[in-house]
C-alpha cells in the first residue's frame, strides 16, 4: 500500500506535465496515423490495379488472387443427377488449430 500511495503522489505531481505533453503530441499522432492510413490505401489500390506483388523498401505488398468457392449444397444436388462430376472433387484432411483464449 505504501508503494501505491507513493506512486500516486509522484504521478499527481507530474500529471499536469503529462497532460500538456499529451495535448501537444496527440494531434501530431492523429495526423500521422491518418497519413499512414491514406498511404496504405493508395498502395493497396495500386497493387490491385497492377495485379502483382511489388517490393518497396522494407515492405512488400503481396497481391493474392481471390479465392474460388463452390456452393457445396448445390454441387451435391447437381452430382445426384450427374455423378461423373464427383471425380473432380477433392477434399483435404481435417485439421485442428489451437488458439489462446483471452
PDB file of N, CA and C in Angstrom:
ATOM      1  N   UNK A   1       0.824  -1.192   0.000  1.00  0.00           N
ATOM      2  CA  UNK A   1       0.000   0.000   0.000  1.00  0.00           C
ATOM      3  C   UNK A   1       0.866   1.253   0.000  1.00  0.00           C
ATOM      4  N   UNK A   2       2.019   1.162   0.671  1.00  0.00           N
ATOM      5  CA  UNK A   2       2.927   2.292   0.707  1.00  0.00           C
ATOM      6  C   UNK A   2       3.416   2.618  -0.706  1.00  0.00           C
ATOM      7  N   UNK A   3       3.734   1.556  -1.476  1.00  0.00           N
ATOM      8  CA  UNK A   3       4.184   1.728  -2.859  1.00  0.00           C
ATOM      9  C   UNK A   3       3.116   2.444  -3.677  1.00  0.00           C
ATOM     10  N   UNK A   4       1.887   1.990  -3.554  1.00  0.00           N
ATOM     11  CA  UNK A   4       0.784   2.569  -4.323  1.00  0.00           C
ATOM     12  C   UNK A   4       0.593   4.036  -3.958  1.00  0.00           C
ATOM     13  N   UNK A   5       0.677   4.350  -2.700  1.00  0.00           N
ATOM     14  CA  UNK A   5       0.493   5.734  -2.265  1.00  0.00           C
ATOM     15  C   UNK A   5       1.614   6.627  -2.778  1.00  0.00           C
ATOM     16  N   UNK A   6       2.858   6.141  -2.689  1.00  0.00           N
ATOM     17  CA  UNK A   6       3.994   6.928  -3.192  1.00  0.00           C
ATOM     18  C   UNK A   6       3.910   7.109  -4.705  1.00  0.00           C
ATOM     19  N   UNK A   7       3.516   6.060  -5.391  1.00  0.00           N
ATOM     20  CA  UNK A   7       3.386   6.129  -6.847  1.00  0.00           C
ATOM     21  C   UNK A   7       2.314   7.146  -7.239  1.00  0.00           C
ATOM     22  N   UNK A   8       1.183   7.117  -6.560  1.00  0.00           N
ATOM     23  CA  UNK A   8       0.096   8.053  -6.837  1.00  0.00           C
ATOM     24  C   UNK A   8       0.543   9.487  -6.596  1.00  0.00           C
ATOM     25  N   UNK A   9       1.345   9.700  -5.558  1.00  0.00           N
ATOM     26  CA  UNK A   9       1.842  11.047  -5.250  1.00  0.00           C
ATOM     27  C   UNK A   9       2.767  11.552  -6.350  1.00  0.00           C
ATOM     28  N   UNK A  10       3.655  10.689  -6.831  1.00  0.00           N
ATOM     29  CA  UNK A  10       4.570  11.076  -7.914  1.00  0.00           C
ATOM     30  C   UNK A  10       3.790  11.366  -9.186  1.00  0.00           C
ATOM     31  N   UNK A  11       2.848  10.502  -9.511  1.00  0.00           N
ATOM     32  CA  UNK A  11       2.048  10.704 -10.719  1.00  0.00           C
ATOM     33  C   UNK A  11       1.233  11.994 -10.630  1.00  0.00           C
ATOM     34  N   UNK A  12       0.716  12.287  -9.447  1.00  0.00           N
ATOM     35  CA  UNK A  12      -0.075  13.502  -9.269  1.00  0.00           C
ATOM     36  C   UNK A  12       0.779  14.740  -9.512  1.00  0.00           C
ATOM     37  N   UNK A  13       2.029  14.712  -9.053  1.00  0.00           N
ATOM     38  CA  UNK A  13       2.937  15.832  -9.244  1.00  0.00           C
ATOM     39  C   UNK A  13       3.250  16.054 -10.721  1.00  0.00           C
ATOM     40  N   UNK A  14       3.388  14.969 -11.461  1.00  0.00           N
ATOM     41  CA  UNK A  14       3.785  15.065 -12.867  1.00  0.00           C
ATOM     42  C   UNK A  14       2.610  15.007 -13.834  1.00  0.00           C
ATOM     43  N   UNK A  15       1.399  14.821 -13.335  1.00  0.00           N
ATOM     44  CA  UNK A  15       0.241  14.644 -14.204  1.00  0.00           C
ATOM     45  C   UNK A  15      -0.013  15.851 -15.095  1.00  0.00           C
ATOM     46  N   UNK A  16       0.183  17.048 -14.575  1.00  0.00           N
ATOM     47  CA  UNK A  16      -0.033  18.253 -15.389  1.00  0.00           C
ATOM     48  C   UNK A  16       0.940  18.284 -16.562  1.00  0.00           C
ATOM     49  N   UNK A  17       2.200  17.937 -16.313  1.00  0.00           N
ATOM     50  CA  UNK A  17       3.186  17.886 -17.396  1.00  0.00           C
ATOM     51  C   UNK A  17       2.829  16.808 -18.411  1.00  0.00           C
ATOM     52  N   UNK A  18       2.392  15.671 -17.907  1.00  0.00           N
ATOM     53  CA  UNK A  18       1.997  14.577 -18.807  1.00  0.00           C
ATOM     54  C   UNK A  18       0.781  14.970 -19.644  1.00  0.00           C
ATOM     55  N   UNK A  19      -0.176  15.654 -19.023  1.00  0.00           N
ATOM     56  CA  UNK A  19      -1.362  16.097 -19.762  1.00  0.00           C
ATOM     57  C   UNK A  19      -0.996  17.111 -20.843  1.00  0.00           C
ATOM     58  N   UNK A  20      -0.062  18.034 -20.530  1.00  0.00           N
ATOM     59  CA  UNK A  20       0.377  19.023 -21.516  1.00  0.00           C
ATOM     60  C   UNK A  20       1.112  18.348 -22.668  1.00  0.00           C
ATOM     61  N   UNK A  21       1.944  17.362 -22.350  1.00  0.00           N
ATOM     62  CA  UNK A  21       2.657  16.621 -23.383  1.00  0.00           C
ATOM     63  C   UNK A  21       1.683  15.873 -24.283  1.00  0.00           C
ATOM     64  N   UNK A  22       0.688  15.266 -23.675  1.00  0.00           N
ATOM     65  CA  UNK A  22      -0.341  14.544 -24.439  1.00  0.00           C
ATOM     66  C   UNK A  22      -1.093  15.507 -25.355  1.00  0.00           C
ATOM     67  N   UNK A  23      -1.477  16.654 -24.831  1.00  0.00           N
ATOM     68  CA  UNK A  23      -2.207  17.642 -25.642  1.00  0.00           C
ATOM     69  C   UNK A  23      -1.361  18.143 -26.799  1.00  0.00           C
ATOM     70  N   UNK A  24      -0.054  18.234 -26.599  1.00  0.00           N
ATOM     71  CA  UNK A  24       0.838  18.707 -27.656  1.00  0.00           C
ATOM     72  C   UNK A  24       1.029  17.667 -28.756  1.00  0.00           C
ATOM     73  N   UNK A  25       1.174  16.415 -28.364  1.00  0.00           N
ATOM     74  CA  UNK A  25       1.536  15.387 -29.330  1.00  0.00           C
ATOM     75  C   UNK A  25       0.357  14.601 -29.907  1.00  0.00           C
ATOM     76  N   UNK A  26      -0.772  14.542 -29.241  1.00  0.00           N
ATOM     77  CA  UNK A  26      -1.916  13.791 -29.766  1.00  0.00           C
ATOM     78  C   UNK A  26      -2.335  14.229 -31.163  1.00  0.00           C
ATOM     79  N   UNK A  27      -2.427  15.540 -31.454  1.00  0.00           N
ATOM     80  CA  UNK A  27      -2.789  15.927 -32.824  1.00  0.00           C
ATOM     81  C   UNK A  27      -1.750  15.477 -33.857  1.00  0.00           C
ATOM     82  N   UNK A  28      -0.477  15.487 -33.483  1.00  0.00           N
ATOM     83  CA  UNK A  28       0.563  15.023 -34.406  1.00  0.00           C
ATOM     84  C   UNK A  28       0.433  13.536 -34.673  1.00  0.00           C
ATOM     85  N   UNK A  29       0.179  12.770 -33.607  1.00  0.00           N
ATOM     86  CA  UNK A  29      -0.006  11.330 -33.779  1.00  0.00           C
ATOM     87  C   UNK A  29      -1.235  11.034 -34.623  1.00  0.00           C
ATOM     88  N   UNK A  30      -2.299  11.776 -34.399  1.00  0.00           N
ATOM     89  CA  UNK A  30      -3.535  11.573 -35.164  1.00  0.00           C
ATOM     90  C   UNK A  30      -3.300  11.875 -36.643  1.00  0.00           C
ATOM     91  N   UNK A  31      -2.620  12.985 -36.929  1.00  0.00           N
ATOM     92  CA  UNK A  31      -2.321  13.338 -38.319  1.00  0.00           C
ATOM     93  C   UNK A  31      -1.435  12.287 -38.968  1.00  0.00           C
ATOM     94  N   UNK A  32      -0.438  11.829 -38.234  1.00  0.00           N
ATOM     95  CA  UNK A  32       0.464  10.800 -38.759  1.00  0.00           C
ATOM     96  C   UNK A  32      -0.299   9.512 -39.047  1.00  0.00           C
ATOM     97  N   UNK A  33      -1.152   9.098 -38.131  1.00  0.00           N
ATOM     98  CA  UNK A  33      -1.943   7.878 -38.343  1.00  0.00           C
ATOM     99  C   UNK A  33      -2.882   8.028 -39.532  1.00  0.00           C
ATOM    100  N   UNK A  34      -3.462   9.213 -39.714  1.00  0.00           N
ATOM    101  CA  UNK A  34      -4.318   9.465 -40.877  1.00  0.00           C
ATOM    102  C   UNK A  34      -3.511   9.363 -42.167  1.00  0.00           C
ATOM    103  N   UNK A  35      -2.309   9.948 -42.171  1.00  0.00           N
ATOM    104  CA  UNK A  35      -1.452   9.885 -43.358  1.00  0.00           C
ATOM    105  C   UNK A  35      -1.052   8.449 -43.679  1.00  0.00           C
ATOM    106  N   UNK A  36      -0.745   7.693 -42.644  1.00  0.00           N
ATOM    107  CA  UNK A  36      -0.391   6.283 -42.848  1.00  0.00           C
ATOM    108  C   UNK A  36      -1.566   5.523 -43.446  1.00  0.00           C
ATOM    109  N   UNK A  37      -2.757   5.770 -42.957  1.00  0.00           N
ATOM    110  CA  UNK A  37      -3.943   5.078 -43.472  1.00  0.00           C
ATOM    111  C   UNK A  37      -4.186   5.424 -44.941  1.00  0.00           C
ATOM    112  N   UNK A  38      -3.999   6.698 -45.294  1.00  0.00           N
ATOM    113  CA  UNK A  38      -4.199   7.121 -46.687  1.00  0.00           C
ATOM    114  C   UNK A  38      -3.155   6.458 -47.588  1.00  0.00           C
ATOM    115  N   UNK A  39      -1.897   6.473 -47.172  1.00  0.00           N
ATOM    116  CA  UNK A  39      -0.845   5.855 -47.980  1.00  0.00           C
ATOM    117  C   UNK A  39      -1.043   4.348 -48.083  1.00  0.00           C
ATOM    118  N   UNK A  40      -1.477   3.732 -47.012  1.00  0.00           N
ATOM    119  CA  UNK A  40      -1.756   2.301 -47.016  1.00  0.00           C
ATOM    120  C   UNK A  40      -2.823   1.971 -48.060  1.00  0.00           C
ATOM    121  N   UNK A  41      -3.881   2.767 -48.095  1.00  0.00           N
ATOM    122  CA  UNK A  41      -4.955   2.542 -49.060  1.00  0.00           C
ATOM    123  C   UNK A  41      -4.462   2.777 -50.493  1.00  0.00           C
ATOM    124  N   UNK A  42      -3.647   3.809 -50.693  1.00  0.00           N
ATOM    125  CA  UNK A  42      -3.106   4.079 -52.028  1.00  0.00           C
ATOM    126  C   UNK A  42      -2.235   2.926 -52.512  1.00  0.00           C
ATOM    127  N   UNK A  43      -1.390   2.400 -51.627  1.00  0.00           N
ATOM    128  CA  UNK A  43      -0.531   1.271 -52.000  1.00  0.00           C
ATOM    129  C   UNK A  43      -1.379   0.059 -52.360  1.00  0.00           C
ATOM    130  N   UNK A  44      -2.366  -0.230 -51.540  1.00  0.00           N
ATOM    131  CA  UNK A  44      -3.221  -1.387 -51.818  1.00  0.00           C
ATOM    132  C   UNK A  44      -3.960  -1.227 -53.138  1.00  0.00           C
ATOM    133  N   UNK A  45      -4.473  -0.032 -53.410  1.00  0.00           N
ATOM    134  CA  UNK A  45      -5.167   0.207 -54.675  1.00  0.00           C
ATOM    135  C   UNK A  45      -4.220   0.051 -55.856  1.00  0.00           C
ATOM    136  N   UNK A  46      -2.994   0.571 -55.745  1.00  0.00           N
ATOM    137  CA  UNK A  46      -2.015   0.439 -56.826  1.00  0.00           C
ATOM    138  C   UNK A  46      -1.678  -1.021 -57.085  1.00  0.00           C
ATOM    139  N   UNK A  47      -1.499  -1.799 -56.023  1.00  0.00           N
ATOM    140  CA  UNK A  47      -1.176  -3.217 -56.187  1.00  0.00           C
ATOM    141  C   UNK A  47      -2.359  -3.957 -56.809  1.00  0.00           C
ATOM    142  N   UNK A  48      -3.575  -3.624 -56.399  1.00  0.00           N
ATOM    143  CA  UNK A  48      -4.745  -4.263 -57.006  1.00  0.00           C
ATOM    144  C   UNK A  48      -4.844  -3.923 -58.491  1.00  0.00           C
ATOM    145  N   UNK A  49      -4.528  -2.676 -58.845  1.00  0.00           N
ATOM    146  CA  UNK A  49      -4.627  -2.265 -60.244  1.00  0.00           C
ATOM    147  C   UNK A  49      -3.586  -2.967 -61.118  1.00  0.00           C
ATOM    148  N   UNK A  50      -2.359  -3.147 -60.609  1.00  0.00           N
ATOM    149  CA  UNK A  50      -1.338  -3.805 -61.434  1.00  0.00           C
ATOM    150  C   UNK A  50      -1.386  -5.325 -61.276  1.00  0.00           C
ATOM    151  N   UNK A  51      -2.128  -5.809 -60.300  1.00  0.00           N
ATOM    152  CA  UNK A  51      -2.375  -7.245 -60.087  1.00  0.00           C
ATOM    153  C   UNK A  51      -1.095  -8.061 -59.917  1.00  0.00           C
ATOM    154  N   UNK A  52      -0.104  -7.469 -59.245  1.00  0.00           N
ATOM    155  CA  UNK A  52       1.095  -8.235 -58.917  1.00  0.00           C
ATOM    156  C   UNK A  52       1.740  -7.661 -57.663  1.00  0.00           C
ATOM    157  N   UNK A  53       2.473  -8.503 -56.957  1.00  0.00           N
ATOM    158  CA  UNK A  53       3.163  -8.070 -55.754  1.00  0.00           C
ATOM    159  C   UNK A  53       4.325  -7.166 -56.143  1.00  0.00           C
ATOM    160  N   UNK A  54       4.670  -6.260 -55.246  1.00  0.00           N
ATOM    161  CA  UNK A  54       5.804  -5.374 -55.511  1.00  0.00           C
ATOM    162  C   UNK A  54       6.707  -5.345 -54.286  1.00  0.00           C
ATOM    163  N   UNK A  55       7.944  -4.912 -54.478  1.00  0.00           N
ATOM    164  CA  UNK A  55       8.890  -4.777 -53.384  1.00  0.00           C
ATOM    165  C   UNK A  55       9.263  -3.312 -53.265  1.00  0.00           C
ATOM    166  N   UNK A  56       9.147  -2.772 -52.062  1.00  0.00           N
ATOM    167  CA  UNK A  56       9.499  -1.380 -51.861  1.00  0.00           C
ATOM    168  C   UNK A  56      10.069  -1.174 -50.479  1.00  0.00           C
ATOM    169  N   UNK A  57      11.376  -1.005 -50.373  1.00  0.00           N
ATOM    170  CA  UNK A  57      11.985  -0.821 -49.070  1.00  0.00           C
ATOM    171  C   UNK A  57      11.822  -2.062 -48.218  1.00  0.00           C
ATOM    172  N   UNK A  58      11.356  -1.859 -46.995  1.00  0.00           N
ATOM    173  CA  UNK A  58      11.201  -2.996 -46.084  1.00  0.00           C
ATOM    174  C   UNK A  58       9.819  -3.626 -46.173  1.00  0.00           C
ATOM    175  N   UNK A  59       8.942  -3.048 -46.986  1.00  0.00           N
ATOM    176  CA  UNK A  59       7.580  -3.568 -47.108  1.00  0.00           C
ATOM    177  C   UNK A  59       7.401  -4.267 -48.442  1.00  0.00           C
ATOM    178  N   UNK A  60       6.567  -5.261 -48.442  1.00  0.00           N
ATOM    179  CA  UNK A  60       6.238  -5.964 -49.670  1.00  0.00           C
ATOM    180  C   UNK A  60       4.742  -6.177 -49.718  1.00  0.00           C
ATOM    181  N   UNK A  61       4.027  -5.319 -50.451  1.00  0.00           N
ATOM    182  CA  UNK A  61       2.593  -5.559 -50.631  1.00  0.00           C
ATOM    183  C   UNK A  61       2.403  -6.782 -51.538  1.00  0.00           C
ATOM    184  N   UNK A  62       1.743  -7.784 -51.032  1.00  0.00           N
ATOM    185  CA  UNK A  62       1.577  -9.039 -51.752  1.00  0.00           C
ATOM    186  C   UNK A  62       0.177  -9.107 -52.347  1.00  0.00           C
ATOM    187  N   UNK A  63       0.116  -9.316 -53.651  1.00  0.00           N
ATOM    188  CA  UNK A  63      -1.158  -9.468 -54.345  1.00  0.00           C
ATOM    189  C   UNK A  63      -1.557 -10.934 -54.305  1.00  0.00           C
ATOM    190  N   UNK A  64      -2.766 -11.205 -53.884  1.00  0.00           N
ATOM    191  CA  UNK A  64      -3.288 -12.566 -53.833  1.00  0.00           C
ATOM    192  C   UNK A  64      -4.595 -12.608 -54.610  1.00  0.00           C
ATOM    193  N   UNK A  65      -4.691 -13.549 -55.517  1.00  0.00           N
ATOM    194  CA  UNK A  65      -5.931 -13.716 -56.276  1.00  0.00           C
ATOM    195  C   UNK A  65      -7.069 -14.067 -55.323  1.00  0.00           C
ATOM    196  N   UNK A  66      -8.254 -13.648 -55.671  1.00  0.00           N
ATOM    197  CA  UNK A  66      -9.422 -14.010 -54.870  1.00  0.00           C
ATOM    198  C   UNK A  66      -9.644 -15.514 -54.904  1.00  0.00           C
ATOM    199  N   UNK A  67     -10.142 -16.048 -53.830  1.00  0.00           N
ATOM    200  CA  UNK A  67     -10.397 -17.483 -53.751  1.00  0.00           C
ATOM    201  C   UNK A  67     -11.602 -17.864 -54.601  1.00  0.00           C
ATOM    202  N   UNK A  68     -11.520 -19.045 -55.132  1.00  0.00           N
ATOM    203  CA  UNK A  68     -12.657 -19.588 -55.870  1.00  0.00           C
ATOM    204  C   UNK A  68     -13.417 -20.505 -54.914  1.00  0.00           C
ATOM    205  N   UNK A  69     -14.700 -20.320 -54.854  1.00  0.00           N
ATOM    206  CA  UNK A  69     -15.512 -21.136 -53.950  1.00  0.00           C
ATOM    207  C   UNK A  69     -16.706 -21.691 -54.714  1.00  0.00           C
ATOM    208  N   UNK A  70     -17.098 -22.865 -54.318  1.00  0.00           N
ATOM    209  CA  UNK A  70     -18.267 -23.506 -54.910  1.00  0.00           C
ATOM    210  C   UNK A  70     -19.315 -23.679 -53.829  1.00  0.00           C
ATOM    211  N   UNK A  71     -20.547 -23.612 -54.233  1.00  0.00           N
ATOM    212  CA  UNK A  71     -21.652 -23.856 -53.317  1.00  0.00           C
ATOM    213  C   UNK A  71     -21.813 -25.372 -53.191  1.00  0.00           C
ATOM    214  N   UNK A  72     -21.325 -25.942 -52.090  1.00  0.00           N
ATOM    215  CA  UNK A  72     -21.322 -27.393 -51.923  1.00  0.00           C
ATOM    216  C   UNK A  72     -22.712 -27.998 -51.971  1.00  0.00           C
ATOM    217  N   UNK A  73     -23.671 -27.353 -51.365  1.00  0.00           N
ATOM    218  CA  UNK A  73     -25.029 -27.910 -51.369  1.00  0.00           C
ATOM    219  C   UNK A  73     -25.562 -28.035 -52.793  1.00  0.00           C
ATOM    220  N   UNK A  74     -25.392 -26.992 -53.586  1.00  0.00           N
ATOM    221  CA  UNK A  74     -25.887 -27.028 -54.965  1.00  0.00           C
ATOM    222  C   UNK A  74     -25.071 -27.987 -55.830  1.00  0.00           C
ATOM    223  N   UNK A  75     -23.751 -28.073 -55.587  1.00  0.00           N
ATOM    224  CA  UNK A  75     -22.925 -29.013 -56.345  1.00  0.00           C
ATOM    225  C   UNK A  75     -23.310 -30.455 -56.010  1.00  0.00           C
ATOM    226  N   UNK A  76     -23.581 -30.721 -54.728  1.00  0.00           N
ATOM    227  CA  UNK A  76     -24.006 -32.071 -54.353  1.00  0.00           C
ATOM    228  C   UNK A  76     -25.357 -32.407 -54.978  1.00  0.00           C
ATOM    229  N   UNK A  77     -26.255 -31.457 -55.036  1.00  0.00           N
ATOM    230  CA  UNK A  77     -27.546 -31.658 -55.682  1.00  0.00           C
ATOM    231  C   UNK A  77     -27.343 -31.957 -57.170  1.00  0.00           C
ATOM    232  N   UNK A  78     -26.451 -31.199 -57.810  1.00  0.00           N
ATOM    233  CA  UNK A  78     -26.153 -31.415 -59.228  1.00  0.00           C
ATOM    234  C   UNK A  78     -25.528 -32.796 -59.433  1.00  0.00           C
ATOM    235  N   UNK A  79     -24.680 -33.215 -58.486  1.00  0.00           N
ATOM    236  CA  UNK A  79     -23.998 -34.508 -58.606  1.00  0.00           C
ATOM    237  C   UNK A  79     -24.957 -35.683 -58.483  1.00  0.00           C
ATOM    238  N   UNK A  80     -26.113 -35.467 -57.889  1.00  0.00           N
ATOM    239  CA  UNK A  80     -27.098 -36.555 -57.810  1.00  0.00           C
ATOM    240  C   UNK A  80     -27.540 -36.992 -59.193  1.00  0.00           C
ATOM    241  N   UNK A  81     -27.678 -36.031 -60.101  1.00  0.00           N
ATOM    242  CA  UNK A  81     -28.089 -36.379 -61.461  1.00  0.00           C
ATOM    243  C   UNK A  81     -26.892 -36.564 -62.391  1.00  0.00           C
ATOM    244  N   UNK A  82     -25.730 -36.078 -62.000  1.00  0.00           N
ATOM    245  CA  UNK A  82     -24.509 -36.211 -62.803  1.00  0.00           C
ATOM    246  C   UNK A  82     -23.355 -36.659 -61.913  1.00  0.00           C
ATOM    247  N   UNK A  83     -23.342 -37.907 -61.471  1.00  0.00           N
ATOM    248  CA  UNK A  83     -22.311 -38.373 -60.544  1.00  0.00           C
ATOM    249  C   UNK A  83     -20.895 -38.325 -61.113  1.00  0.00           C
ATOM    250  N   UNK A  84     -20.762 -38.245 -62.438  1.00  0.00           N
ATOM    251  CA  UNK A  84     -19.430 -38.180 -63.039  1.00  0.00           C
ATOM    252  C   UNK A  84     -18.653 -36.931 -62.606  1.00  0.00           C
ATOM    253  N   UNK A  85     -19.362 -35.902 -62.158  1.00  0.00           N
ATOM    254  CA  UNK A  85     -18.685 -34.674 -61.736  1.00  0.00           C
ATOM    255  C   UNK A  85     -17.901 -34.874 -60.435  1.00  0.00           C
ATOM    256  N   UNK A  86     -18.255 -35.893 -59.647  1.00  0.00           N
ATOM    257  CA  UNK A  86     -17.586 -36.135 -58.373  1.00  0.00           C
ATOM    258  C   UNK A  86     -16.114 -36.514 -58.533  1.00  0.00           C
ATOM    259  N   UNK A  87     -15.711 -36.956 -59.725  1.00  0.00           N
ATOM    260  CA  UNK A  87     -14.310 -37.288 -59.954  1.00  0.00           C
ATOM    261  C   UNK A  87     -13.407 -36.052 -59.864  1.00  0.00           C
ATOM    262  N   UNK A  88     -13.989 -34.885 -59.989  1.00  0.00           N
ATOM    263  CA  UNK A  88     -13.220 -33.645 -59.937  1.00  0.00           C
ATOM    264  C   UNK A  88     -13.191 -33.028 -58.534  1.00  0.00           C
ATOM    265  N   UNK A  89     -13.817 -33.718 -57.596  1.00  0.00           N
ATOM    266  CA  UNK A  89     -13.907 -33.193 -56.238  1.00  0.00           C
ATOM    267  C   UNK A  89     -12.757 -33.733 -55.392  1.00  0.00           C
ATOM    268  N   UNK A  90     -12.078 -32.825 -54.704  1.00  0.00           N
ATOM    269  CA  UNK A  90     -11.028 -33.199 -53.759  1.00  0.00           C
ATOM    270  C   UNK A  90     -11.382 -32.629 -52.404  1.00  0.00           C
ATOM    271  N   UNK A  91     -11.103 -33.398 -51.377  1.00  0.00           N
ATOM    272  CA  UNK A  91     -11.333 -32.906 -50.034  1.00  0.00           C
ATOM    273  C   UNK A  91     -10.075 -33.154 -49.232  1.00  0.00           C
ATOM    274  N   UNK A  92      -9.540 -32.084 -48.638  1.00  0.00           N
ATOM    275  CA  UNK A  92      -8.342 -32.196 -47.820  1.00  0.00           C
ATOM    276  C   UNK A  92      -8.642 -32.814 -46.473  1.00  0.00           C
ATOM    277  N   UNK A  93      -7.567 -33.071 -45.732  1.00  0.00           N
ATOM    278  CA  UNK A  93      -7.719 -33.652 -44.408  1.00  0.00           C
ATOM    279  C   UNK A  93      -8.159 -32.578 -43.421  1.00  0.00           C
ATOM    280  N   UNK A  94      -8.875 -33.011 -42.424  1.00  0.00           N
ATOM    281  CA  UNK A  94      -9.291 -32.103 -41.363  1.00  0.00           C
ATOM    282  C   UNK A  94      -8.062 -31.669 -40.575  1.00  0.00           C
ATOM    283  N   UNK A  95      -8.113 -30.484 -39.993  1.00  0.00           N
ATOM    284  CA  UNK A  95      -7.004 -30.005 -39.186  1.00  0.00           C
ATOM    285  C   UNK A  95      -7.541 -29.335 -37.930  1.00  0.00           C
ATOM    286  N   UNK A  96      -6.664 -29.168 -36.958  1.00  0.00           N
ATOM    287  CA  UNK A  96      -7.020 -28.529 -35.699  1.00  0.00           C
ATOM    288  C   UNK A  96      -5.997 -27.436 -35.434  1.00  0.00           C
ATOM    289  N   UNK A  97      -6.476 -26.257 -35.051  1.00  0.00           N
ATOM    290  CA  UNK A  97      -5.618 -25.144 -34.673  1.00  0.00           C
ATOM    291  C   UNK A  97      -5.897 -24.787 -33.230  1.00  0.00           C
ATOM    292  N   UNK A  98      -4.854 -24.713 -32.429  1.00  0.00           N
ATOM    293  CA  UNK A  98      -5.009 -24.310 -31.036  1.00  0.00           C
ATOM    294  C   UNK A  98      -4.872 -22.796 -30.947  1.00  0.00           C
ATOM    295  N   UNK A  99      -5.787 -22.154 -30.276  1.00  0.00           N
ATOM    296  CA  UNK A  99      -5.766 -20.706 -30.138  1.00  0.00           C
ATOM    297  C   UNK A  99      -5.801 -20.337 -28.667  1.00  0.00           C
ATOM    298  N   UNK A 100      -5.193 -19.240 -28.346  1.00  0.00           N
ATOM    299  CA  UNK A 100      -5.178 -18.747 -26.975  1.00  0.00           C
ATOM    300  C   UNK A 100      -6.446 -17.934 -26.754  1.00  0.00           C
ATOM    301  N   UNK A 101      -7.174 -18.244 -25.698  1.00  0.00           N
ATOM    302  CA  UNK A 101      -8.402 -17.526 -25.362  1.00  0.00           C
ATOM    303  C   UNK A 101      -8.041 -16.478 -24.329  1.00  0.00           C
ATOM    304  N   UNK A 102      -8.355 -15.239 -24.645  1.00  0.00           N
ATOM    305  CA  UNK A 102      -8.031 -14.141 -23.721  1.00  0.00           C
ATOM    306  C   UNK A 102      -9.230 -13.746 -22.910  1.00  0.00           C
TER     307      UNK A 102
END
